[in-house]
Each structure stands twice: as C-alpha cells, then as structure tokens.
Amino acid sequence: MKKASSFEKVAARCWNLLNEGKPFTPIFTIGTILIYSISKLGNLSYLVDLSIGLLAILPLLIIYYLFDFPLFLRNYLWIPFTAYLIIWNQVNLSLLFTAIGLYFFFTIFFWGTFYYHLRIGTTWLNFTRFWKLVLKNSDSTSGNAQEQLPKFLLLLSLWNWSATNVTWSGSEVSVLIIFYACVLVFSYILHINLFDWKPEIIPTFTSNVESPESPINEKVIVMVIDGMRKERFEEANTPFLDYLRKNGTEYNRMETVYPARTVVCFSSMFSGTYPVEHGIKSNMVWKLGIKVESVFDSLRKVGKKGSLLGIAHLVDSFGKDVETVTAVMHNDVADRNIIERAKRIMDEQDPDLQIIQLIGTDQTGHSRGVLYNEYIQKIEEADALVKEYFDWLKERGKLENYTFIVCADHGQADGIGGHGHLDEGERFVPFFMFGHAIEKGKRVEEKHSLVSLASTISYLLGAPFPSHSRGPVLIEAVRKDVQTK
C-alpha cells in the first residue's frame, strides 16, 4: 500500500479550504462574483465597482468567519437576509440563481460524484443520493446547504447593491454600518445564549493516579474506526468487537471533543488536552504541529516507540510520528490495505504503541450517508479486519502482555456524514479495552472524555503523562492487582 505523497498532503490541505464551512463561504462568494462578471472584467470602471463592492461586504465576510451557525442555529441566518430585503428591496435574480446553480453543481456533482468517484470509487450516479445528503446535513461545512445558502445570498445581494447602485452618501454608509453592527450583535447573542452544548473542559491536569514508575503492558494497540456512529455500531453484526467489549471494559458514555473533526479529535486523543491548548481547531490546519507534548513524546522519554498509521491529514498534527496511507483508493479495499500496512509496520518496527486508523466507515458516511445499509456494511467489514489483525498479532507472539483498545474518534450525523459541532450521532463514541490487565465484563456508565486516552496509554506503558494531559487515566478498566504504585 502506498504512502501519501507530498502532493497528496498539500492537496488534502487545499481541499479543506473548500470542505470547511468558514473558508468556503468567502471563496465561493468571491468566485461566484468573478464568474458572474467574467465578460466585464476587461472594463476598468467595472473593476473599480467590483472592488468597491468586495470592500463593502468585507465586514460581513469577517462576521461569518468568526461565527459558526451549525445545527439549528442555521435557521437564524435567514433573518439578516430578510432584513436586507426589507431595507434595500433589491434582488438580482440572475446573480442569485447563478450562485445557487454553482453551489449545487459543486456539492452534488463535483464533490459528491466526480471527487468521490476519482478518490474512493463511488458510482458515477452518486449524485442521485448526494443531493439529499447535502440538504439534510446540519454541520458547519460547505456541504450544509441550509447554512451556506442564506450566507452567500446575503453576501451577493449586498455586493450587487454596493457595486451597482450606491452613491455612498452619508445616509447609505450609515445604514450599512448599522446593518453590520446589528448582524454582529445578533450573531453574538445567538452564540452566547444558544450555542451551549459544547462538552465541558477538564480544568486540571491528569492527577487521579501517579505517573507510572514501571509499565503494566509491553504493547498497546489502538484501533480507531474513524466516524463509527455509536447506535449504528450497536445495530451492526460485529461478533469480534462484541466479544472484546463483553470480555473487557466498555465505556458507555465516552464523549468526543469539540469540534469533532478528525484532526482535532486525534490531536486531543493523543495529547490529552483540548484545541485551545494543542492548537488544532479544525481539519484546516494553518500552522503545522501540535503545541504540546504528545503520547509519542512521552514514550520517547522512556526509550519506547509509538506509531500512528493514518491518512495524510494527521501529519499536520503529529509529523514524523505518522505513517501515512494514501486516501486515494477504492473504499472497498481501503481498510484491507491499511491492515496489511499495519502488519508490515509491526514486523519491521515492532512499536510499543501502534495506533491504526480505519477510514472506510467514515468515508462511506460522507459519500453515501450514515443511515443506509452501506454504512452498516463497512462497520461489519471493520469488525472482520480487526479480528484478522488481532489473530495475526497473537500468532506472532505480539500479544503476550498487551492492551487492545477499540474506539471511534467521533460519530457522524445525518446528511453527508457531517461531524464537528456535535449533532445527534456525533458526541458519544464506542470505546472499550481488552487485555490481560483489563477488567473483564465491566461496563462504566459515568461520562468520560477521549482526552483520557493519552494518559491511559502512558500509564499502561510506564511513560510520563504528556505535558498538558488533562484526561484522567481510565483506571477503572485496570485490574487492581496490576496497577502501578
């Protein structure tokens, strides 16, 4: 299986400019203006008007970049657009219909069909389902039609008004300034009062047990089934995963972090802290590398090695600690190829900690939706592959003294499998531990956070906790007779 090339790493970062909702809005708005104006771009006078219009909408672009409007908050975005219609009573239907056409062409045909066909092999007819996913998606991404439509309709209408009819009298400028001030205050009030469902941040560093003096395990294996929604996992036929959780310790209320984006979640899981500290706040990473120690750094302090096998995005957080896999392959063979690569890494490097990211479930949720049979099928395929890898490790004597952890980094919502802002299906994830040192048949109902994974791995392998680790060690899962003193 090929590694992710340098081109793929750069392309993945560029794609996030179009995938993440915040950068997409200004890119799409300005792009639509240029496409709509293409026949007039040679006219110097028109270019001046176009530029003035762009300057006029800059404050609104900033407001929409500062504030997310995910989930039900997106419904309130129609209020500023309605206010625009009342105040200015001017609509360029040709411009707005051009924008709507371009938006649905981008999301349904370019992204949902062409892109997914070339990258993971979905059918050329994927648009027949993807249009429904775009309309239902509630997370703050470019694929959330109910959020993006009122945003760019207002931006384009204000640009058209500013560029074509304004004499910029004092009264016109005053009305525009008051309008923007009202949108800013409106957005602030909404987010202060209604955007109140983020998980609580643990205020103290890891302190529920002492940093270990000696290891409990020789190896820890972590299987991250990316995007595995908890109740869909419960519906799937997964005999091996069911065996592990019933004969190990299961955390029934394991909560992911906010925002629940893959790079953010992995950064928190393996540093033990939150985006405000580790610095990775979305899949769009502006500055490479986490700002704090990772579990890989902790292991190096005691002469141990960790390896993370995952997609190119994760290099943005963990750099050389990531063994990349190319994400450009048919989704039916993606997880199979990842498992084969994991075997080779274990044979050649024999890491003390091996983290493996299986991507097929997540990619199916994004391209085909989480409430369809294909998504369940991918979870069941993951079950078989995890069993195969477990048996392979056992045959080679790699599981003499180990802990095997299975979890998801986040769930997935309806629509295009959106995740980030904790819609139904995103917040709580499957999480269970299995091994000789792990309590058997135990089920923990108390709420825990994925930020506990870093400290727990460090504890099991006899390494110090990462510098900013806040998650308590999941000590309930460790047998009392083997706990370090």
Protein backbone atom coordinates (compact mmCIF):
# COMPACT_ATOMS: atom_id res chain seq x y z
CA MET A 1 0.00 0.00 0.00
CA LYS A 2 1.37 3.40 -1.00
CA LYS A 3 2.14 6.17 1.45
CA ALA A 4 0.51 9.54 0.99
CA SER A 5 2.68 11.52 -1.41
CA SER A 6 3.84 15.09 -0.79
CA PHE A 7 1.34 16.19 -3.43
CA GLU A 8 -1.48 14.39 -1.62
CA LYS A 9 -0.58 16.07 1.68
CA VAL A 10 -0.72 19.51 0.05
CA ALA A 11 -3.89 18.62 -1.87
CA ALA A 12 -5.57 17.46 1.35
CA ARG A 13 -4.84 20.84 2.94
CA CYS A 14 -6.12 22.69 -0.12
CA TRP A 15 -9.29 20.61 -0.19
CA ASN A 16 -10.06 21.65 3.36
CA LEU A 17 -10.34 25.25 2.15
CA LEU A 18 -13.41 24.09 0.22
CA ASN A 19 -14.60 21.49 2.72
CA GLU A 20 -14.60 23.58 5.89
CA GLY A 21 -17.54 25.96 6.09
CA LYS A 22 -15.64 29.04 7.27
CA PRO A 23 -13.13 29.39 4.41
CA PHE A 24 -15.63 28.08 1.85
CA THR A 25 -18.06 30.99 2.26
CA PRO A 26 -15.65 33.78 1.17
CA ILE A 27 -14.03 31.60 -1.51
CA PHE A 28 -17.38 30.67 -3.02
CA THR A 29 -18.80 34.19 -2.78
CA ILE A 30 -15.81 35.85 -4.46
CA GLY A 31 -15.55 33.04 -7.01
CA THR A 32 -19.21 33.44 -7.94
CA ILE A 33 -18.77 37.20 -8.35
CA LEU A 34 -15.80 36.68 -10.69
CA ILE A 35 -17.61 34.03 -12.75
CA TYR A 36 -20.73 36.18 -12.99
CA SER A 37 -18.67 39.20 -14.00
CA ILE A 38 -16.29 37.43 -16.38
CA SER A 39 -17.48 39.24 -19.51
CA LYS A 40 -16.93 42.65 -17.85
CA LEU A 41 -13.55 42.09 -16.21
CA GLY A 42 -11.78 43.97 -19.02
CA ASN A 43 -13.70 47.15 -18.16
CA LEU A 44 -11.63 49.26 -15.77
CA SER A 45 -14.66 51.15 -14.49
CA TYR A 46 -16.45 47.89 -13.71
CA LEU A 47 -13.37 46.53 -11.93
CA VAL A 48 -13.43 49.57 -9.68
CA ASP A 49 -17.12 49.00 -8.88
CA LEU A 50 -16.46 45.28 -8.30
CA SER A 51 -13.62 46.08 -5.89
CA ILE A 52 -15.72 48.64 -4.01
CA GLY A 53 -18.47 46.05 -3.64
CA LEU A 54 -15.99 43.50 -2.25
CA LEU A 55 -14.71 46.03 0.28
CA ALA A 56 -18.31 46.79 1.25
CA ILE A 57 -19.06 43.14 2.12
CA LEU A 58 -15.74 42.52 3.89
CA PRO A 59 -17.21 43.15 7.39
CA LEU A 60 -19.92 40.57 6.78
CA LEU A 61 -17.37 38.06 5.49
CA ILE A 62 -15.45 38.54 8.74
CA ILE A 63 -18.58 38.09 10.86
CA TYR A 64 -19.46 34.86 9.06
CA TYR A 65 -15.89 33.63 9.52
CA LEU A 66 -15.91 34.36 13.25
CA PHE A 67 -19.24 32.69 13.99
CA ASP A 68 -20.38 29.17 13.14
CA PHE A 69 -24.07 28.56 12.55
CA PRO A 70 -24.34 24.76 12.78
CA LEU A 71 -27.33 22.63 13.65
CA PHE A 72 -30.48 24.64 14.40
CA LEU A 73 -28.57 27.95 14.54
CA ARG A 74 -28.50 27.96 10.74
CA ASN A 75 -32.24 28.70 10.73
CA TYR A 76 -31.50 32.16 12.14
CA LEU A 77 -29.34 33.05 9.13
CA TRP A 78 -32.47 33.84 7.12
CA ILE A 79 -33.25 36.76 9.47
CA PRO A 80 -30.39 39.03 8.21
CA PHE A 81 -31.28 38.17 4.60
CA THR A 82 -34.93 39.01 5.25
CA ALA A 83 -33.82 42.29 6.85
CA TYR A 84 -31.79 43.07 3.71
CA LEU A 85 -34.88 42.53 1.53
CA ILE A 86 -36.93 44.86 3.74
CA ILE A 87 -34.29 47.63 3.91
CA TRP A 88 -32.96 47.64 0.36
CA ASN A 89 -35.67 45.79 -1.56
CA GLN A 90 -33.25 44.90 -4.36
CA VAL A 91 -32.54 41.44 -5.72
CA ASN A 92 -30.51 40.44 -8.76
CA LEU A 93 -32.22 37.16 -9.58
CA SER A 94 -29.75 36.35 -12.34
CA LEU A 95 -26.83 36.61 -9.89
CA LEU A 96 -28.55 34.65 -7.15
CA PHE A 97 -29.71 31.83 -9.41
CA THR A 98 -26.19 31.62 -10.86
CA ALA A 99 -24.86 31.22 -7.32
CA ILE A 100 -27.42 28.58 -6.38
CA GLY A 101 -26.63 26.64 -9.57
CA LEU A 102 -22.88 26.84 -8.94
CA TYR A 103 -23.32 25.76 -5.32
CA PHE A 104 -25.33 22.65 -6.11
CA PHE A 105 -23.03 21.82 -9.03
CA PHE A 106 -20.04 21.99 -6.69
CA THR A 107 -21.56 20.00 -3.83
CA ILE A 108 -23.61 17.41 -5.72
CA PHE A 109 -21.69 16.81 -8.93
CA PHE A 110 -18.08 17.94 -8.37
CA TRP A 111 -17.77 16.88 -4.72
CA GLY A 112 -20.43 14.21 -4.28
CA THR A 113 -19.89 12.49 -7.64
CA PHE A 114 -16.70 13.42 -9.53
CA TYR A 115 -14.42 13.84 -6.49
CA TYR A 116 -15.65 10.75 -4.66
CA HIS A 117 -15.53 8.65 -7.83
CA LEU A 118 -11.91 9.56 -8.50
CA ARG A 119 -10.80 9.30 -4.87
CA ILE A 120 -12.68 6.32 -3.42
CA GLY A 121 -14.51 4.79 -6.38
CA THR A 122 -18.14 5.71 -5.71
CA THR A 123 -20.53 5.28 -8.62
CA TRP A 124 -20.98 7.99 -11.25
CA LEU A 125 -24.63 8.00 -10.15
CA ASN A 126 -23.80 9.07 -6.58
CA PHE A 127 -25.49 12.43 -7.27
CA THR A 128 -28.85 10.65 -7.13
CA ARG A 129 -28.36 10.29 -3.38
CA PHE A 130 -25.89 13.04 -2.57
CA TRP A 131 -28.36 15.86 -3.21
CA LYS A 132 -30.47 14.54 -0.33
CA LEU A 133 -27.45 14.38 1.94
CA VAL A 134 -26.49 17.99 1.20
CA LEU A 135 -29.99 19.20 2.02
CA LYS A 136 -30.09 17.24 5.30
CA ASN A 137 -26.54 17.94 6.50
CA SER A 138 -26.55 20.10 9.62
CA ASP A 139 -22.88 20.57 10.38
CA SER A 140 -20.92 23.71 9.58
CA THR A 141 -19.24 22.59 6.37
CA SER A 142 -19.54 23.60 2.74
CA GLY A 143 -21.97 20.72 2.30
CA ASN A 144 -24.56 22.28 4.60
CA ALA A 145 -26.97 23.85 2.09
CA GLN A 146 -29.24 25.29 4.76
CA GLU A 147 -26.32 27.25 6.23
CA GLN A 148 -24.44 28.23 3.08
CA LEU A 149 -27.46 29.40 1.04
CA PRO A 150 -28.58 32.28 3.31
CA LYS A 151 -24.95 33.30 3.82
CA PHE A 152 -23.98 33.69 0.19
CA LEU A 153 -27.39 35.02 -0.91
CA LEU A 154 -27.00 37.91 1.53
CA LEU A 155 -23.34 38.49 0.67
CA LEU A 156 -24.01 38.52 -3.06
CA SER A 157 -27.04 40.78 -2.71
CA LEU A 158 -25.09 43.30 -0.66
CA TRP A 159 -22.20 43.15 -3.12
CA ASN A 160 -24.52 43.75 -6.07
CA TRP A 161 -26.18 46.68 -4.30
CA SER A 162 -22.83 48.17 -3.31
CA ALA A 163 -21.24 47.72 -6.72
CA THR A 164 -24.06 48.94 -8.95
CA ASN A 165 -26.30 51.50 -7.28
CA VAL A 166 -24.56 53.15 -4.37
CA THR A 167 -23.51 56.80 -4.45
CA TRP A 168 -22.02 56.32 -0.98
CA SER A 169 -23.88 59.18 0.59
CA GLY A 170 -23.67 59.59 4.34
CA SER A 171 -27.07 58.01 4.85
CA GLU A 172 -26.20 54.95 2.74
CA VAL A 173 -22.96 54.37 4.62
CA SER A 174 -24.72 54.85 7.96
CA VAL A 175 -27.44 52.32 7.12
CA LEU A 176 -24.83 49.76 6.02
CA ILE A 177 -22.76 50.25 9.18
CA ILE A 178 -25.86 49.92 11.38
CA PHE A 179 -26.89 46.79 9.48
CA TYR A 180 -23.49 45.14 10.02
CA ALA A 181 -23.47 46.14 13.67
CA CYS A 182 -26.88 44.54 14.11
CA VAL A 183 -25.74 41.32 12.39
CA LEU A 184 -22.67 41.22 14.65
CA VAL A 185 -24.69 41.75 17.83
CA PHE A 186 -27.33 39.29 16.61
CA SER A 187 -24.67 36.62 15.98
CA TYR A 188 -23.01 37.24 19.33
CA ILE A 189 -26.29 36.98 21.26
CA LEU A 190 -27.23 33.77 19.43
CA HIS A 191 -23.92 32.11 20.22
CA ILE A 192 -23.77 33.23 23.83
CA ASN A 193 -27.31 32.05 24.58
CA LEU A 194 -27.97 29.15 22.21
CA PHE A 195 -24.57 27.68 21.34
CA ASP A 196 -24.35 25.99 24.73
CA TRP A 197 -23.88 22.28 24.05
CA LYS A 198 -20.08 22.04 23.93
CA PRO A 199 -18.52 19.38 26.20
CA GLU A 200 -17.11 20.63 29.48
CA ILE A 201 -13.35 21.11 29.54
CA ILE A 202 -11.46 19.37 32.36
CA PRO A 203 -9.81 22.28 34.22
CA THR A 204 -6.90 20.39 35.84
CA PHE A 205 -4.05 18.24 34.60
CA THR A 206 -4.11 14.46 34.97
CA SER A 207 -3.94 13.72 38.69
CA ASN A 208 -6.22 10.80 39.53
CA VAL A 209 -3.20 8.45 39.68
CA GLU A 210 0.54 8.98 39.94
CA SER A 211 2.67 8.98 36.83
CA PRO A 212 3.82 5.36 36.48
CA GLU A 213 7.28 4.16 37.52
CA SER A 214 7.05 0.89 35.60
CA PRO A 215 4.96 -0.43 32.70
CA ILE A 216 1.90 -2.61 33.03
CA ASN A 217 1.97 -3.62 29.36
CA GLU A 218 4.63 -4.27 26.78
CA LYS A 219 2.30 -3.26 23.97
CA VAL A 220 -0.79 -1.17 23.45
CA ILE A 221 -2.74 -1.44 20.21
CA VAL A 222 -5.39 1.21 19.44
CA MET A 223 -7.84 0.61 16.60
CA VAL A 224 -9.64 3.84 15.70
CA ILE A 225 -12.61 3.12 13.44
CA ASP A 226 -12.99 6.63 12.09
CA GLY A 227 -16.52 8.02 12.14
CA MET A 228 -18.23 4.97 13.66
CA ARG A 229 -21.58 6.21 14.98
CA LYS A 230 -22.44 4.53 18.26
CA GLU A 231 -26.02 3.39 17.70
CA ARG A 232 -25.24 2.23 14.17
CA PHE A 233 -22.43 0.14 15.64
CA GLU A 234 -24.98 -1.38 18.01
CA GLU A 235 -27.16 -2.32 15.03
CA ALA A 236 -24.33 -3.95 13.08
CA ASN A 237 -23.37 -7.62 13.26
CA THR A 238 -19.92 -7.38 14.86
CA PRO A 239 -19.17 -10.65 16.68
CA PHE A 240 -15.49 -9.96 17.36
CA LEU A 241 -15.89 -6.40 18.59
CA ASP A 242 -18.79 -7.60 20.75
CA TYR A 243 -16.52 -10.27 22.20
CA LEU A 244 -13.84 -7.71 23.07
CA ARG A 245 -16.18 -5.30 24.80
CA LYS A 246 -18.08 -8.00 26.70
CA ASN A 247 -14.86 -9.61 27.92
CA GLY A 248 -13.09 -6.35 28.62
CA THR A 249 -14.17 -2.94 29.93
CA GLU A 250 -16.60 -0.81 27.96
CA TYR A 251 -17.10 2.93 28.50
CA ASN A 252 -20.72 3.51 27.57
CA ARG A 253 -20.59 7.32 27.69
CA MET A 254 -17.28 8.18 26.11
CA GLU A 255 -17.50 11.73 24.78
CA THR A 256 -15.50 13.16 21.91
CA VAL A 257 -14.13 16.70 21.84
CA TYR A 258 -15.39 19.89 20.23
CA PRO A 259 -15.20 20.45 17.33
CA ALA A 260 -15.46 16.79 16.41
CA ARG A 261 -13.27 16.93 13.31
CA THR A 262 -10.84 14.10 12.63
CA VAL A 263 -7.56 16.02 13.01
CA VAL A 264 -8.89 17.82 16.11
CA CYS A 265 -10.02 14.56 17.71
CA PHE A 266 -6.76 12.73 17.06
CA SER A 267 -4.80 15.71 18.37
CA SER A 268 -6.80 15.64 21.60
CA MET A 269 -6.83 11.87 21.94
CA PHE A 270 -3.05 11.58 21.76
CA SER A 271 -2.02 14.77 23.56
CA GLY A 272 -4.64 14.51 26.32
CA THR A 273 -5.88 18.06 26.00
CA TYR A 274 -8.15 20.39 24.03
CA PRO A 275 -7.87 22.54 20.90
CA VAL A 276 -7.38 25.71 22.94
CA GLU A 277 -4.07 24.21 24.15
CA HIS A 278 -2.84 21.93 21.38
CA GLY A 279 -3.79 24.48 18.71
CA ILE A 280 -5.55 22.26 16.15
CA LYS A 281 -9.05 23.72 15.87
CA SER A 282 -10.33 22.21 12.61
CA ASN A 283 -9.20 19.98 9.76
CA MET A 284 -7.93 23.19 8.17
CA VAL A 285 -4.56 23.47 9.91
CA TRP A 286 -2.92 26.86 9.42
CA LYS A 287 0.20 26.07 11.48
CA LEU A 288 1.57 22.54 11.40
CA GLY A 289 2.18 20.54 14.56
CA ILE A 290 0.51 20.48 17.94
CA LYS A 291 1.80 23.00 20.50
CA VAL A 292 2.09 20.49 23.35
CA GLU A 293 3.65 17.10 24.00
CA SER A 294 2.04 14.03 22.51
CA VAL A 295 1.98 10.50 23.80
CA PHE A 296 4.73 9.79 21.26
CA ASP A 297 6.95 12.35 23.01
CA SER A 298 6.19 10.72 26.36
CA LEU A 299 7.17 7.29 25.09
CA ARG A 300 10.46 8.59 23.71
CA LYS A 301 11.39 9.73 27.22
CA VAL A 302 11.44 6.10 28.36
CA GLY A 303 13.00 4.70 25.19
CA LYS A 304 9.79 3.40 23.67
CA LYS A 305 8.35 3.87 20.20
CA GLY A 306 4.86 4.80 19.06
CA SER A 307 3.46 4.64 15.55
CA LEU A 308 0.28 6.15 14.12
CA LEU A 309 -0.89 4.71 10.81
CA GLY A 310 -3.38 7.10 9.22
CA ILE A 311 -4.32 9.44 6.40
CA ALA A 312 -2.29 12.46 5.29
CA HIS A 313 -4.33 14.93 7.39
CA LEU A 314 -2.77 13.55 10.58
CA VAL A 315 0.73 14.62 9.55
CA ASP A 316 -0.47 18.17 10.19
CA SER A 317 -0.64 17.32 13.90
CA PHE A 318 1.98 14.66 14.56
CA GLY A 319 4.52 15.00 11.77
CA LYS A 320 7.00 12.15 11.52
CA ASP A 321 5.17 10.05 14.11
CA VAL A 322 2.58 9.33 11.40
CA GLU A 323 2.98 6.51 8.92
CA THR A 324 0.75 7.82 6.15
CA VAL A 325 -1.54 5.87 3.89
CA THR A 326 -2.90 7.22 0.65
CA ALA A 327 -6.60 8.08 0.79
CA VAL A 328 -6.83 7.78 -3.00
CA MET A 329 -8.06 4.21 -3.38
CA HIS A 330 -11.34 2.39 -3.76
CA ASN A 331 -13.22 2.44 -0.48
CA ASP A 332 -13.87 -1.30 -0.68
CA VAL A 333 -10.15 -2.03 -0.28
CA ALA A 334 -9.04 0.93 1.85
CA ASP A 335 -9.25 -0.75 5.26
CA ARG A 336 -7.90 -4.03 3.90
CA ASN A 337 -4.81 -2.21 2.60
CA ILE A 338 -4.39 -0.36 5.90
CA ILE A 339 -4.38 -3.63 7.84
CA GLU A 340 -1.77 -5.09 5.50
CA ARG A 341 0.37 -1.98 6.02
CA ALA A 342 -0.10 -2.30 9.80
CA LYS A 343 1.26 -5.84 9.67
CA ARG A 344 4.34 -4.69 7.78
CA ILE A 345 4.98 -1.89 10.28
CA MET A 346 4.67 -4.30 13.19
CA ASP A 347 7.05 -6.75 11.52
CA GLU A 348 9.64 -4.14 10.59
CA GLN A 349 9.45 -1.67 13.51
CA ASP A 350 7.78 -3.57 16.37
CA PRO A 351 6.39 -0.40 18.03
CA ASP A 352 5.37 -0.45 21.69
CA LEU A 353 2.29 1.61 20.77
CA GLN A 354 0.54 1.12 17.47
CA ILE A 355 -2.44 3.28 16.52
CA ILE A 356 -4.34 2.30 13.38
CA GLN A 357 -6.96 4.47 11.70
CA LEU A 358 -9.53 2.56 9.64
CA ILE A 359 -11.17 5.01 7.22
CA GLY A 360 -13.76 3.03 5.28
CA THR A 361 -16.66 3.64 7.67
CA ASP A 362 -16.09 7.41 7.78
CA GLN A 363 -15.71 7.68 4.00
CA THR A 364 -18.90 5.72 3.44
CA GLY A 365 -20.78 8.01 5.84
CA HIS A 366 -19.56 11.08 3.95
CA SER A 367 -20.20 9.78 0.46
CA ARG A 368 -23.30 7.60 0.94
CA GLY A 369 -24.83 8.65 4.27
CA VAL A 370 -24.87 7.05 7.71
CA LEU A 371 -28.49 5.87 7.71
CA TYR A 372 -28.08 3.49 4.78
CA ASN A 373 -27.06 -0.17 4.64
CA GLU A 374 -23.64 0.59 3.10
CA TYR A 375 -22.57 2.26 6.35
CA ILE A 376 -23.53 -0.77 8.46
CA GLN A 377 -21.68 -2.99 5.99
CA LYS A 378 -18.46 -1.01 6.45
CA ILE A 379 -18.68 -1.38 10.25
CA GLU A 380 -19.11 -5.14 9.80
CA GLU A 381 -16.11 -5.25 7.45
CA ALA A 382 -14.07 -3.37 10.06
CA ASP A 383 -15.06 -5.98 12.64
CA ALA A 384 -13.67 -8.77 10.46
CA LEU A 385 -10.44 -6.88 9.77
CA VAL A 386 -9.85 -6.08 13.45
CA LYS A 387 -10.26 -9.78 14.23
CA GLU A 388 -7.85 -10.72 11.47
CA TYR A 389 -5.23 -8.31 12.79
CA PHE A 390 -5.74 -9.42 16.39
CA ASP A 391 -5.29 -13.07 15.39
CA TRP A 392 -2.22 -12.17 13.31
CA LEU A 393 -0.63 -10.40 16.30
CA LYS A 394 -1.38 -13.36 18.53
CA GLU A 395 0.16 -15.85 16.10
CA ARG A 396 3.39 -13.83 16.08
CA GLY A 397 3.63 -13.60 19.85
CA LYS A 398 2.93 -9.86 19.96
CA LEU A 399 0.12 -10.21 22.49
CA GLU A 400 1.95 -11.70 25.46
CA ASN A 401 1.38 -8.63 27.63
CA TYR A 402 -0.87 -6.10 25.94
CA THR A 403 -3.94 -3.91 25.97
CA PHE A 404 -6.14 -3.73 22.89
CA ILE A 405 -8.31 -0.60 22.61
CA VAL A 406 -11.09 -0.06 20.07
CA CYS A 407 -12.82 3.30 19.66
CA ALA A 408 -14.06 5.93 17.24
CA ASP A 409 -12.69 9.46 17.08
CA HIS A 410 -16.19 10.88 16.54
CA GLY A 411 -19.60 9.76 15.37
CA GLN A 412 -21.41 11.01 12.29
CA ALA A 413 -24.62 12.94 11.75
CA ASP A 414 -27.25 12.52 9.08
CA GLY A 415 -26.68 14.09 5.71
CA ILE A 416 -23.16 13.85 4.31
CA GLY A 417 -21.94 12.24 7.49
CA GLY A 418 -21.14 15.66 8.89
CA HIS A 419 -19.28 15.91 12.14
CA GLY A 420 -17.71 18.69 14.11
CA HIS A 421 -20.33 20.57 16.04
CA LEU A 422 -21.91 17.63 17.87
CA ASP A 423 -25.19 16.90 16.19
CA GLU A 424 -27.07 13.76 17.15
CA GLY A 425 -24.84 10.78 16.49
CA GLU A 426 -21.53 12.64 16.87
CA ARG A 427 -20.95 13.21 20.57
CA PHE A 428 -20.68 9.75 22.19
CA VAL A 429 -18.49 7.10 20.60
CA PRO A 430 -17.84 3.38 21.07
CA PHE A 431 -14.89 2.78 23.40
CA PHE A 432 -13.69 -0.46 25.01
CA MET A 433 -10.46 -2.00 26.29
CA PHE A 434 -9.37 -5.63 26.32
CA GLY A 435 -6.31 -7.47 27.62
CA HIS A 436 -4.78 -9.43 30.49
CA ALA A 437 -4.56 -6.34 32.72
CA ILE A 438 -8.08 -5.14 31.90
CA GLU A 439 -11.16 -5.86 33.99
CA LYS A 440 -13.42 -8.42 32.33
CA GLY A 441 -17.12 -7.89 31.75
CA LYS A 442 -17.11 -4.37 33.18
CA ARG A 443 -19.29 -1.54 31.88
CA VAL A 444 -18.60 2.03 33.01
CA GLU A 445 -21.65 4.31 32.83
CA GLU A 446 -20.02 7.50 34.11
CA LYS A 447 -19.24 10.05 31.39
CA HIS A 448 -15.61 10.19 30.28
CA SER A 449 -13.73 12.04 27.55
CA LEU A 450 -11.47 10.84 24.75
CA VAL A 451 -8.77 13.16 26.12
CA SER A 452 -8.17 10.39 28.69
CA LEU A 453 -6.68 8.14 26.02
CA ALA A 454 -3.19 9.73 26.09
CA SER A 455 -2.75 9.47 29.84
CA THR A 456 -4.13 5.92 29.88
CA ILE A 457 -1.69 4.77 27.20
CA SER A 458 1.18 6.44 29.08
CA TYR A 459 0.12 4.74 32.31
CA LEU A 460 -0.08 1.31 30.70
CA LEU A 461 3.35 1.64 29.03
CA GLY A 462 5.14 3.16 32.02
CA ALA A 463 5.71 6.59 30.46
CA PRO A 464 5.16 10.05 31.99
CA PHE A 465 1.92 11.77 31.09
CA PRO A 466 2.15 14.26 28.19
CA SER A 467 2.92 17.79 29.41
CA HIS A 468 -0.64 19.14 29.07
CA SER A 469 -2.58 15.93 29.66
CA ARG A 470 -5.90 16.73 31.34
CA GLY A 471 -7.81 13.48 30.90
CA PRO A 472 -7.87 11.21 33.97
CA VAL A 473 -6.35 7.78 33.48
CA LEU A 474 -9.12 5.28 32.79
CA ILE A 475 -8.10 3.44 35.92
CA GLU A 476 -11.50 1.75 36.34
CA ALA A 477 -10.55 -0.55 33.49
CA VAL A 478 -7.23 -1.68 35.00
CA ARG A 479 -7.22 -4.65 37.37
CA LYS A 480 -6.29 -3.54 40.88
CA ASP A 481 -3.65 -6.25 41.30
CA VAL A 482 -1.60 -4.90 38.36
CA GLN A 483 -1.97 -1.17 38.93
CA THR A 484 1.33 0.67 39.30
CA LYS A 485 2.10 2.18 42.66
